[in-house]
Amino acid sequence: YFNKKEPKFREFCYQQTRDMVRRDRNHPSILAWEASLNETKQPAD
């Protein structure tokens, strides 16, 4: 899912990415962050 018509969709994704890292950054178990929408065609920018 990618909503091209609604600018707030991008804002939501950006905020979710920040919040994910801020919540979980101190866990030693975190190997990597998947900051990409699963199975979704996304613009390069």
All heavy atoms as atom14 arrays in JSON, in Angstrom:
{
  "sequence": "YFNKKEPKFREFCYQQTRDMVRRDRNHPSILAWEASLNETKQPAD",
  "atom14_mask": [
    [1, 1, 1, 1, 1, 1, 1, 1, 1, 1, 1, 1, 0, 0],
    [1, 1, 1, 1, 1, 1, 1, 1, 1, 1, 1, 0, 0, 0],
    [1, 1, 1, 1, 1, 1, 1, 1, 0, 0, 0, 0, 0, 0],
    [1, 1, 1, 1, 1, 1, 1, 1, 1, 0, 0, 0, 0, 0],
    [1, 1, 1, 1, 1, 1, 1, 1, 1, 0, 0, 0, 0, 0],
    [1, 1, 1, 1, 1, 1, 1, 1, 1, 0, 0, 0, 0, 0],
    [1, 1, 1, 1, 1, 1, 1, 0, 0, 0, 0, 0, 0, 0],
    [1, 1, 1, 1, 1, 1, 1, 1, 1, 0, 0, 0, 0, 0],
    [1, 1, 1, 1, 1, 1, 1, 1, 1, 1, 1, 0, 0, 0],
    [1, 1, 1, 1, 1, 1, 1, 1, 1, 1, 1, 0, 0, 0],
    [1, 1, 1, 1, 1, 1, 1, 1, 1, 0, 0, 0, 0, 0],
    [1, 1, 1, 1, 1, 1, 1, 1, 1, 1, 1, 0, 0, 0],
    [1, 1, 1, 1, 1, 1, 0, 0, 0, 0, 0, 0, 0, 0],
    [1, 1, 1, 1, 1, 1, 1, 1, 1, 1, 1, 1, 0, 0],
    [1, 1, 1, 1, 1, 1, 1, 1, 1, 0, 0, 0, 0, 0],
    [1, 1, 1, 1, 1, 1, 1, 1, 1, 0, 0, 0, 0, 0],
    [1, 1, 1, 1, 1, 1, 1, 0, 0, 0, 0, 0, 0, 0],
    [1, 1, 1, 1, 1, 1, 1, 1, 1, 1, 1, 0, 0, 0],
    [1, 1, 1, 1, 1, 1, 1, 1, 0, 0, 0, 0, 0, 0],
    [1, 1, 1, 1, 1, 1, 1, 1, 0, 0, 0, 0, 0, 0],
    [1, 1, 1, 1, 1, 1, 1, 0, 0, 0, 0, 0, 0, 0],
    [1, 1, 1, 1, 1, 1, 1, 1, 1, 1, 1, 0, 0, 0],
    [1, 1, 1, 1, 1, 1, 1, 1, 1, 1, 1, 0, 0, 0],
    [1, 1, 1, 1, 1, 1, 1, 1, 0, 0, 0, 0, 0, 0],
    [1, 1, 1, 1, 1, 1, 1, 1, 1, 1, 1, 0, 0, 0],
    [1, 1, 1, 1, 1, 1, 1, 1, 0, 0, 0, 0, 0, 0],
    [1, 1, 1, 1, 1, 1, 1, 1, 1, 1, 0, 0, 0, 0],
    [1, 1, 1, 1, 1, 1, 1, 0, 0, 0, 0, 0, 0, 0],
    [1, 1, 1, 1, 1, 1, 0, 0, 0, 0, 0, 0, 0, 0],
    [1, 1, 1, 1, 1, 1, 1, 1, 0, 0, 0, 0, 0, 0],
    [1, 1, 1, 1, 1, 1, 1, 1, 0, 0, 0, 0, 0, 0],
    [1, 1, 1, 1, 1, 0, 0, 0, 0, 0, 0, 0, 0, 0],
    [1, 1, 1, 1, 1, 1, 1, 1, 1, 1, 1, 1, 1, 1],
    [1, 1, 1, 1, 1, 1, 1, 1, 1, 0, 0, 0, 0, 0],
    [1, 1, 1, 1, 1, 0, 0, 0, 0, 0, 0, 0, 0, 0],
    [1, 1, 1, 1, 1, 1, 0, 0, 0, 0, 0, 0, 0, 0],
    [1, 1, 1, 1, 1, 1, 1, 1, 0, 0, 0, 0, 0, 0],
    [1, 1, 1, 1, 1, 1, 1, 1, 0, 0, 0, 0, 0, 0],
    [1, 1, 1, 1, 1, 1, 1, 1, 1, 0, 0, 0, 0, 0],
    [1, 1, 1, 1, 1, 1, 1, 0, 0, 0, 0, 0, 0, 0],
    [1, 1, 1, 1, 1, 1, 1, 1, 1, 0, 0, 0, 0, 0],
    [1, 1, 1, 1, 1, 1, 1, 1, 1, 0, 0, 0, 0, 0],
    [1, 1, 1, 1, 1, 1, 1, 0, 0, 0, 0, 0, 0, 0],
    [1, 1, 1, 1, 1, 0, 0, 0, 0, 0, 0, 0, 0, 0],
    [1, 1, 1, 1, 1, 1, 1, 1, 0, 0, 0, 0, 0, 0]
  ],
  "atom14_positions": [
    [[0.85, -1.2, 0.0], [0.0, 0.0, 0.0], [0.88, 1.24, 0.0], [1.76, 1.4, 0.85], [-0.91, 0.02, 1.23], [-1.82, 1.22, 1.32], [-3.04, 1.26, 0.63], [-1.47, 2.33, 2.09], [-3.87, 2.38, 0.73], [-2.3, 3.43, 2.19], [-3.5, 3.45, 1.5], [-4.33, 4.55, 1.59], [0.0, 0.0, 0.0], [0.0, 0.0, 0.0]],
    [[0.61, 2.13, -0.97], [1.27, 3.44, -0.98], [0.25, 4.45, -1.5], [-0.27, 4.32, -2.61], [2.51, 3.44, -1.88], [3.36, 4.67, -1.69], [4.4, 4.67, -0.78], [3.1, 5.84, -2.4], [5.17, 5.81, -0.58], [3.85, 6.97, -2.21], [4.9, 6.96, -1.3], [0.0, 0.0, 0.0], [0.0, 0.0, 0.0], [0.0, 0.0, 0.0]],
    [[-0.03, 5.46, -0.69], [-1.03, 6.46, -1.03], [-0.34, 7.67, -1.67], [0.24, 8.51, -0.98], [-1.8, 6.9, 0.22], [-3.02, 7.72, -0.11], [-3.08, 8.38, -1.14], [-4.0, 7.69, 0.78], [0.0, 0.0, 0.0], [0.0, 0.0, 0.0], [0.0, 0.0, 0.0], [0.0, 0.0, 0.0], [0.0, 0.0, 0.0], [0.0, 0.0, 0.0]],
    [[-0.4, 7.74, -3.0], [0.27, 8.82, -3.71], [-0.5, 10.14, -3.61], [0.09, 11.22, -3.78], [0.42, 8.44, -5.19], [1.29, 7.22, -5.44], [1.36, 6.92, -6.93], [2.21, 5.68, -7.2], [2.27, 5.36, -8.65], [0.0, 0.0, 0.0], [0.0, 0.0, 0.0], [0.0, 0.0, 0.0], [0.0, 0.0, 0.0], [0.0, 0.0, 0.0]],
    [[-1.79, 10.06, -3.35], [-2.64, 11.25, -3.38], [-2.67, 12.02, -2.06], [-3.06, 13.18, -2.04], [-4.06, 10.86, -3.78], [-4.16, 10.22, -5.16], [-5.61, 9.84, -5.46], [-5.72, 9.19, -6.84], [-7.13, 8.8, -7.15], [0.0, 0.0, 0.0], [0.0, 0.0, 0.0], [0.0, 0.0, 0.0], [0.0, 0.0, 0.0], [0.0, 0.0, 0.0]],
    [[-2.25, 11.38, -0.99], [-2.38, 11.98, 0.33], [-1.0, 12.26, 0.93], [-0.29, 11.33, 1.35], [-3.16, 11.04, 1.25], [-3.29, 11.51, 2.69], [-3.87, 12.9, 2.8], [-5.09, 13.05, 2.6], [-3.08, 13.82, 3.07], [0.0, 0.0, 0.0], [0.0, 0.0, 0.0], [0.0, 0.0, 0.0], [0.0, 0.0, 0.0], [0.0, 0.0, 0.0]],
    [[-0.57, 13.52, 0.99], [0.74, 13.86, 1.56], [0.92, 13.4, 3.0], [2.04, 13.1, 3.43], [0.79, 15.39, 1.46], [-0.2, 15.74, 0.4], [-1.28, 14.71, 0.49], [0.0, 0.0, 0.0], [0.0, 0.0, 0.0], [0.0, 0.0, 0.0], [0.0, 0.0, 0.0], [0.0, 0.0, 0.0], [0.0, 0.0, 0.0], [0.0, 0.0, 0.0]],
    [[-0.19, 13.33, 3.75], [-0.1, 12.92, 5.14], [0.33, 11.46, 5.28], [0.8, 11.06, 6.35], [-1.43, 13.15, 5.85], [-1.78, 14.61, 6.05], [-3.07, 14.77, 6.82], [-3.41, 16.24, 7.03], [-4.69, 16.4, 7.78], [0.0, 0.0, 0.0], [0.0, 0.0, 0.0], [0.0, 0.0, 0.0], [0.0, 0.0, 0.0], [0.0, 0.0, 0.0]],
    [[0.16, 10.67, 4.2], [0.61, 9.29, 4.26], [2.12, 9.23, 4.42], [2.65, 8.45, 5.23], [0.18, 8.53, 3.0], [0.75, 7.14, 2.91], [0.23, 6.11, 3.66], [1.84, 6.88, 2.08], [0.77, 4.83, 3.59], [2.38, 5.61, 1.99], [1.85, 4.58, 2.75], [0.0, 0.0, 0.0], [0.0, 0.0, 0.0], [0.0, 0.0, 0.0]],
    [[2.83, 10.03, 3.65], [4.29, 10.08, 3.78], [4.69, 10.54, 5.18], [5.59, 9.96, 5.8], [4.9, 11.01, 2.74], [4.94, 10.43, 1.32], [5.83, 11.29, 0.45], [5.94, 10.77, -0.91], [7.06, 10.78, -1.61], [8.17, 11.27, -1.09], [7.09, 10.31, -2.85], [0.0, 0.0, 0.0], [0.0, 0.0, 0.0], [0.0, 0.0, 0.0]],
    [[4.03, 11.57, 5.67], [4.34, 12.08, 7.0], [4.16, 10.99, 8.05], [4.97, 10.86, 8.98], [3.44, 13.28, 7.32], [3.67, 14.49, 6.42], [2.66, 15.59, 6.69], [1.96, 15.51, 7.73], [2.56, 16.52, 5.86], [0.0, 0.0, 0.0], [0.0, 0.0, 0.0], [0.0, 0.0, 0.0], [0.0, 0.0, 0.0], [0.0, 0.0, 0.0]],
    [[3.09, 10.21, 7.89], [2.84, 9.11, 8.82], [3.97, 8.09, 8.77], [4.48, 7.65, 9.81], [1.5, 8.44, 8.49], [1.28, 7.14, 9.22], [0.95, 7.14, 10.57], [1.4, 5.93, 8.56], [0.75, 5.94, 11.24], [1.2, 4.73, 9.23], [0.87, 4.74, 10.57], [0.0, 0.0, 0.0], [0.0, 0.0, 0.0], [0.0, 0.0, 0.0]],
    [[4.38, 7.69, 7.58], [5.46, 6.7, 7.44], [6.77, 7.22, 8.03], [7.5, 6.48, 8.69], [5.65, 6.34, 5.97], [4.26, 5.44, 5.24], [0.0, 0.0, 0.0], [0.0, 0.0, 0.0], [0.0, 0.0, 0.0], [0.0, 0.0, 0.0], [0.0, 0.0, 0.0], [0.0, 0.0, 0.0], [0.0, 0.0, 0.0], [0.0, 0.0, 0.0]],
    [[7.05, 8.49, 7.79], [8.28, 9.07, 8.33], [8.26, 9.06, 9.86], [9.25, 8.72, 10.51], [8.46, 10.5, 7.82], [8.66, 10.61, 6.32], [8.34, 11.8, 5.64], [9.15, 9.55, 5.56], [8.53, 11.92, 4.27], [9.32, 9.66, 4.18], [9.01, 10.85, 3.54], [9.19, 10.96, 2.18], [0.0, 0.0, 0.0], [0.0, 0.0, 0.0]],
    [[7.12, 9.43, 10.43], [7.02, 9.46, 11.89], [7.11, 8.06, 12.47], [7.73, 7.84, 13.52], [5.72, 10.13, 12.32], [5.64, 10.4, 13.83], [6.74, 11.33, 14.29], [6.91, 12.41, 13.76], [7.51, 10.9, 15.29], [0.0, 0.0, 0.0], [0.0, 0.0, 0.0], [0.0, 0.0, 0.0], [0.0, 0.0, 0.0], [0.0, 0.0, 0.0]],
    [[6.48, 7.08, 11.8], [6.55, 5.7, 12.27], [7.99, 5.2, 12.28], [8.41, 4.47, 13.19], [5.69, 4.8, 11.37], [4.2, 5.01, 11.5], [3.65, 4.42, 12.77], [3.55, 3.21, 12.93], [3.28, 5.27, 13.71], [0.0, 0.0, 0.0], [0.0, 0.0, 0.0], [0.0, 0.0, 0.0], [0.0, 0.0, 0.0], [0.0, 0.0, 0.0]],
    [[8.76, 5.58, 11.27], [10.16, 5.17, 11.21], [10.94, 5.76, 12.37], [11.71, 5.06, 13.04], [10.78, 5.61, 9.87], [10.06, 4.98, 8.8], [12.24, 5.2, 9.78], [0.0, 0.0, 0.0], [0.0, 0.0, 0.0], [0.0, 0.0, 0.0], [0.0, 0.0, 0.0], [0.0, 0.0, 0.0], [0.0, 0.0, 0.0], [0.0, 0.0, 0.0]],
    [[10.76, 7.05, 12.61], [11.44, 7.67, 13.75], [11.06, 6.98, 15.06], [11.91, 6.66, 15.89], [11.07, 9.15, 13.83], [11.73, 10.05, 12.8], [11.47, 11.51, 13.15], [12.0, 12.43, 12.17], [13.26, 12.84, 12.11], [14.14, 12.36, 12.99], [13.64, 13.72, 11.2], [0.0, 0.0, 0.0], [0.0, 0.0, 0.0], [0.0, 0.0, 0.0]],
    [[9.76, 6.77, 15.25], [9.28, 6.2, 16.51], [9.78, 4.78, 16.71], [10.09, 4.38, 17.85], [7.75, 6.24, 16.55], [7.2, 7.65, 16.68], [7.99, 8.58, 16.91], [5.97, 7.82, 16.54], [0.0, 0.0, 0.0], [0.0, 0.0, 0.0], [0.0, 0.0, 0.0], [0.0, 0.0, 0.0], [0.0, 0.0, 0.0], [0.0, 0.0, 0.0]],
    [[9.84, 4.0, 15.65], [10.35, 2.63, 15.76], [11.78, 2.63, 16.28], [12.12, 1.87, 17.2], [10.27, 1.94, 14.39], [10.92, 0.56, 14.36], [10.84, -0.22, 12.72], [11.93, 0.88, 11.76], [0.0, 0.0, 0.0], [0.0, 0.0, 0.0], [0.0, 0.0, 0.0], [0.0, 0.0, 0.0], [0.0, 0.0, 0.0], [0.0, 0.0, 0.0]],
    [[12.62, 3.48, 15.71], [14.02, 3.52, 16.13], [14.13, 4.04, 17.56], [14.88, 3.48, 18.38], [14.85, 4.39, 15.17], [16.3, 4.49, 15.65], [14.82, 3.8, 13.75], [0.0, 0.0, 0.0], [0.0, 0.0, 0.0], [0.0, 0.0, 0.0], [0.0, 0.0, 0.0], [0.0, 0.0, 0.0], [0.0, 0.0, 0.0], [0.0, 0.0, 0.0]],
    [[13.39, 5.08, 17.89], [13.49, 5.68, 19.21], [13.02, 4.72, 20.31], [13.58, 4.7, 21.41], [12.66, 6.97, 19.27], [13.18, 8.04, 18.32], [12.31, 9.28, 18.35], [12.52, 10.05, 19.56], [13.52, 10.91, 19.74], [14.41, 11.08, 18.79], [13.63, 11.56, 20.87], [0.0, 0.0, 0.0], [0.0, 0.0, 0.0], [0.0, 0.0, 0.0]],
    [[12.0, 3.92, 20.0], [11.51, 2.98, 21.01], [12.49, 1.83, 21.24], [12.69, 1.4, 22.39], [10.15, 2.42, 20.59], [9.46, 1.61, 21.7], [8.31, 0.78, 21.18], [8.77, -0.35, 20.38], [8.0, -1.38, 20.04], [6.73, -1.41, 20.44], [8.47, -2.35, 19.28], [0.0, 0.0, 0.0], [0.0, 0.0, 0.0], [0.0, 0.0, 0.0]],
    [[13.1, 1.32, 20.18], [13.81, 0.04, 20.25], [15.32, 0.12, 20.11], [15.99, -0.9, 20.07], [13.25, -0.9, 19.18], [11.77, -1.19, 19.37], [11.3, -1.09, 20.52], [11.09, -1.5, 18.38], [0.0, 0.0, 0.0], [0.0, 0.0, 0.0], [0.0, 0.0, 0.0], [0.0, 0.0, 0.0], [0.0, 0.0, 0.0], [0.0, 0.0, 0.0]],
    [[15.89, 1.33, 20.06], [17.31, 1.49, 19.75], [18.25, 0.87, 20.78], [19.41, 0.57, 20.46], [17.61, 2.99, 19.63], [17.32, 3.77, 20.9], [17.26, 5.26, 20.69], [16.89, 5.96, 21.93], [16.65, 7.25, 22.01], [16.71, 8.02, 20.93], [16.33, 7.81, 23.17], [0.0, 0.0, 0.0], [0.0, 0.0, 0.0], [0.0, 0.0, 0.0]],
    [[17.8, 0.67, 22.02], [18.69, 0.15, 23.06], [18.65, -1.37, 23.21], [19.35, -1.91, 24.07], [18.34, 0.8, 24.41], [18.64, 2.29, 24.43], [19.56, 2.76, 23.77], [17.84, 3.05, 25.16], [0.0, 0.0, 0.0], [0.0, 0.0, 0.0], [0.0, 0.0, 0.0], [0.0, 0.0, 0.0], [0.0, 0.0, 0.0], [0.0, 0.0, 0.0]],
    [[17.86, -2.05, 22.4], [17.79, -3.51, 22.5], [18.97, -4.13, 21.75], [19.12, -3.92, 20.54], [16.48, -4.04, 21.89], [15.27, -3.73, 22.72], [14.94, -4.46, 23.83], [14.33, -2.76, 22.59], [13.82, -3.97, 24.35], [13.44, -2.94, 23.62], [0.0, 0.0, 0.0], [0.0, 0.0, 0.0], [0.0, 0.0, 0.0], [0.0, 0.0, 0.0]],
    [[19.79, -4.94, 22.42], [20.91, -5.57, 21.73], [20.47, -6.56, 20.66], [21.24, -6.89, 19.75], [21.67, -6.28, 22.85], [20.65, -6.49, 23.94], [19.75, -5.29, 23.85], [0.0, 0.0, 0.0], [0.0, 0.0, 0.0], [0.0, 0.0, 0.0], [0.0, 0.0, 0.0], [0.0, 0.0, 0.0], [0.0, 0.0, 0.0], [0.0, 0.0, 0.0]],
    [[19.24, -7.03, 20.74], [18.75, -8.01, 19.77], [18.47, -7.41, 18.4], [18.37, -8.15, 17.41], [17.47, -8.69, 20.29], [16.47, -7.72, 20.58], [0.0, 0.0, 0.0], [0.0, 0.0, 0.0], [0.0, 0.0, 0.0], [0.0, 0.0, 0.0], [0.0, 0.0, 0.0], [0.0, 0.0, 0.0], [0.0, 0.0, 0.0], [0.0, 0.0, 0.0]],
    [[18.34, -6.08, 18.31], [18.03, -5.46, 17.03], [19.23, -5.57, 16.1], [20.29, -4.97, 16.34], [17.62, -3.98, 17.2], [16.37, -3.87, 18.08], [17.38, -3.35, 15.84], [15.12, -4.5, 17.49], [0.0, 0.0, 0.0], [0.0, 0.0, 0.0], [0.0, 0.0, 0.0], [0.0, 0.0, 0.0], [0.0, 0.0, 0.0], [0.0, 0.0, 0.0]],
    [[19.07, -6.32, 15.03], [20.13, -6.49, 14.04], [20.08, -5.39, 12.99], [21.11, -4.86, 12.56], [20.0, -7.86, 13.36], [20.97, -8.16, 12.23], [22.39, -8.32, 12.76], [20.56, -9.44, 11.48], [0.0, 0.0, 0.0], [0.0, 0.0, 0.0], [0.0, 0.0, 0.0], [0.0, 0.0, 0.0], [0.0, 0.0, 0.0], [0.0, 0.0, 0.0]],
    [[18.87, -5.04, 12.55], [18.71, -4.05, 11.49], [17.29, -3.51, 11.52], [16.39, -4.08, 12.16], [19.03, -4.65, 10.13], [0.0, 0.0, 0.0], [0.0, 0.0, 0.0], [0.0, 0.0, 0.0], [0.0, 0.0, 0.0], [0.0, 0.0, 0.0], [0.0, 0.0, 0.0], [0.0, 0.0, 0.0], [0.0, 0.0, 0.0], [0.0, 0.0, 0.0]],
    [[17.1, -2.4, 10.79], [15.79, -1.76, 10.68], [15.27, -1.92, 9.25], [15.97, -1.58, 8.3], [15.89, -0.27, 10.99], [16.64, 0.04, 12.25], [17.96, 0.4, 12.35], [16.13, 0.02, 13.59], [18.29, 0.61, 13.67], [17.19, 0.38, 14.45], [14.88, -0.27, 14.13], [17.04, 0.46, 15.84], [14.73, -0.19, 15.51], [15.8, 0.17, 16.34]],
    [[14.07, -2.43, 9.1], [13.44, -2.53, 7.79], [12.57, -1.29, 7.61], [11.39, -1.28, 7.93], [12.6, -3.8, 7.67], [12.01, -4.0, 6.29], [11.17, -5.27, 6.17], [11.69, -6.37, 6.48], [9.98, -5.15, 5.79], [0.0, 0.0, 0.0], [0.0, 0.0, 0.0], [0.0, 0.0, 0.0], [0.0, 0.0, 0.0], [0.0, 0.0, 0.0]],
    [[13.18, -0.24, 7.08], [12.47, 1.03, 6.88], [11.94, 1.09, 5.46], [12.21, 2.01, 4.7], [13.4, 2.2, 7.16], [0.0, 0.0, 0.0], [0.0, 0.0, 0.0], [0.0, 0.0, 0.0], [0.0, 0.0, 0.0], [0.0, 0.0, 0.0], [0.0, 0.0, 0.0], [0.0, 0.0, 0.0], [0.0, 0.0, 0.0], [0.0, 0.0, 0.0]],
    [[11.16, 0.08, 5.12], [10.59, -0.05, 3.79], [9.24, -0.73, 3.92], [9.08, -1.64, 4.75], [11.51, -0.87, 2.89], [10.93, -1.09, 1.62], [0.0, 0.0, 0.0], [0.0, 0.0, 0.0], [0.0, 0.0, 0.0], [0.0, 0.0, 0.0], [0.0, 0.0, 0.0], [0.0, 0.0, 0.0], [0.0, 0.0, 0.0], [0.0, 0.0, 0.0]],
    [[8.26, -0.29, 3.15], [6.92, -0.86, 3.23], [6.9, -2.21, 2.53], [7.26, -2.32, 1.36], [5.9, 0.09, 2.59], [5.95, 1.53, 3.1], [4.89, 2.38, 2.39], [5.77, 1.59, 4.61], [0.0, 0.0, 0.0], [0.0, 0.0, 0.0], [0.0, 0.0, 0.0], [0.0, 0.0, 0.0], [0.0, 0.0, 0.0], [0.0, 0.0, 0.0]],
    [[6.47, -3.23, 3.24], [6.56, -4.59, 2.74], [5.79, -4.79, 1.43], [4.63, -4.39, 1.3], [6.01, -5.55, 3.8], [6.17, -7.01, 3.4], [7.28, -7.49, 3.25], [5.05, -7.69, 3.24], [0.0, 0.0, 0.0], [0.0, 0.0, 0.0], [0.0, 0.0, 0.0], [0.0, 0.0, 0.0], [0.0, 0.0, 0.0], [0.0, 0.0, 0.0]],
    [[6.47, -5.4, 0.44], [5.85, -5.77, -0.84], [5.13, -4.58, -1.48], [4.01, -4.72, -1.99], [4.89, -6.94, -0.66], [5.57, -8.21, -0.14], [4.58, -9.34, 0.09], [3.39, -9.16, -0.18], [5.02, -10.41, 0.57], [0.0, 0.0, 0.0], [0.0, 0.0, 0.0], [0.0, 0.0, 0.0], [0.0, 0.0, 0.0], [0.0, 0.0, 0.0]],
    [[5.76, -3.41, -1.44], [5.12, -2.19, -1.92], [6.03, -1.47, -2.91], [7.22, -1.29, -2.64], [4.81, -1.24, -0.74], [3.99, -1.94, 0.21], [4.1, 0.0, -1.21], [0.0, 0.0, 0.0], [0.0, 0.0, 0.0], [0.0, 0.0, 0.0], [0.0, 0.0, 0.0], [0.0, 0.0, 0.0], [0.0, 0.0, 0.0], [0.0, 0.0, 0.0]],
    [[5.47, -1.05, -4.01], [6.21, -0.23, -4.96], [6.27, 1.19, -4.4], [5.25, 1.84, -4.22], [5.52, -0.23, -6.33], [6.31, 0.5, -7.41], [5.61, 0.41, -8.76], [6.42, 1.14, -9.82], [5.74, 1.07, -11.16], [0.0, 0.0, 0.0], [0.0, 0.0, 0.0], [0.0, 0.0, 0.0], [0.0, 0.0, 0.0], [0.0, 0.0, 0.0]],
    [[7.5, 1.66, -4.16], [7.69, 2.94, -3.49], [8.58, 3.86, -4.33], [9.55, 3.41, -4.94], [8.35, 2.71, -2.13], [7.56, 1.78, -1.22], [8.44, 1.1, -0.19], [8.92, 1.72, 0.75], [8.65, -0.2, -0.37], [0.0, 0.0, 0.0], [0.0, 0.0, 0.0], [0.0, 0.0, 0.0], [0.0, 0.0, 0.0], [0.0, 0.0, 0.0]],
    [[8.3, 5.16, -4.33], [9.16, 6.12, -5.05], [10.57, 6.14, -4.48], [10.77, 5.95, -3.27], [8.45, 7.45, -4.84], [7.04, 7.1, -4.48], [7.13, 5.81, -3.73], [0.0, 0.0, 0.0], [0.0, 0.0, 0.0], [0.0, 0.0, 0.0], [0.0, 0.0, 0.0], [0.0, 0.0, 0.0], [0.0, 0.0, 0.0], [0.0, 0.0, 0.0]],
    [[11.55, 6.4, -5.33], [12.94, 6.4, -4.9], [13.22, 7.44, -3.83], [13.97, 7.19, -2.88], [13.85, 6.63, -6.12], [0.0, 0.0, 0.0], [0.0, 0.0, 0.0], [0.0, 0.0, 0.0], [0.0, 0.0, 0.0], [0.0, 0.0, 0.0], [0.0, 0.0, 0.0], [0.0, 0.0, 0.0], [0.0, 0.0, 0.0], [0.0, 0.0, 0.0]],
    [[12.61, 8.63, -3.95], [12.86, 9.67, -2.96], [12.26, 9.31, -1.6], [12.8, 9.68, -0.56], [12.31, 11.02, -3.45], [10.79, 11.02, -3.57], [10.23, 10.02, -4.09], [10.15, 12.0, -3.15], [0.0, 0.0, 0.0], [0.0, 0.0, 0.0], [0.0, 0.0, 0.0], [0.0, 0.0, 0.0], [0.0, 0.0, 0.0], [0.0, 0.0, 0.0]]
  ]
}
